[in-house]
Amino acid sequence: MPYGTRGDHLPAFLARVVRSARADRLLEWSGRPGVHLLDHTEHHHHERESLNRFPWTTEAAIDWSAVPDLVLGTTHRDSPAAIAMANQWFTPAPHVILIWQTPLVPTVRVDTGLFLSHLAHLLESTPEFWAYSPTTHTLLESAFSGQVTLARIPPEPQSDSRAAAARA
């Protein structure tokens, strides 16, 4: 399946089904107010500017131990500290980019206030995702293990180590 074809896996506050303007389909997914579903090119741009700048393990996870000076905080998804970290670092930004564990689910740009108001639900219901702020150059990772990490994004890409880890 190609990129972004599983809009039905997005949380309900992010997307809705609308009548398509395209002749080849009747319905399609659209962002709710304050949400924009990114196309494949936009997805890759934001992935390059965020996730691909970190070193990755062979298990296809960000290797936080390789960049300890960039980590701003770590907690568990059930801890109030997860919401507090996001509020502190994302509030100055107009929007946040949400990237999901699988590229089948479209990456979205969401207004920061909307994201923060639904973050507790996302942490509870979504096993793995990343929230990236292009404005504050920070990344929040909610890992499958329950660990939530907030970090500054490195200034230079790490030679597409995420793609290399996925191929290993």
Foldseek 3Di string as FASTA:
>chain_A
DDFAQPQVPDPPQFWDKDQDPDPVDGIDIAGDVQKGFDDPVVVVVVCQLFVQQAAADLQLHGPCVVPVVFWPDKDFLPDPVLLVVCCVQVVVAQWKWKAAPDRNRTIMIGGSVSCSVCVNVCLVPHQWIKIAGPVRQKIWIQHNVRMIIIGHGDPHGPVRNSVVSVVD
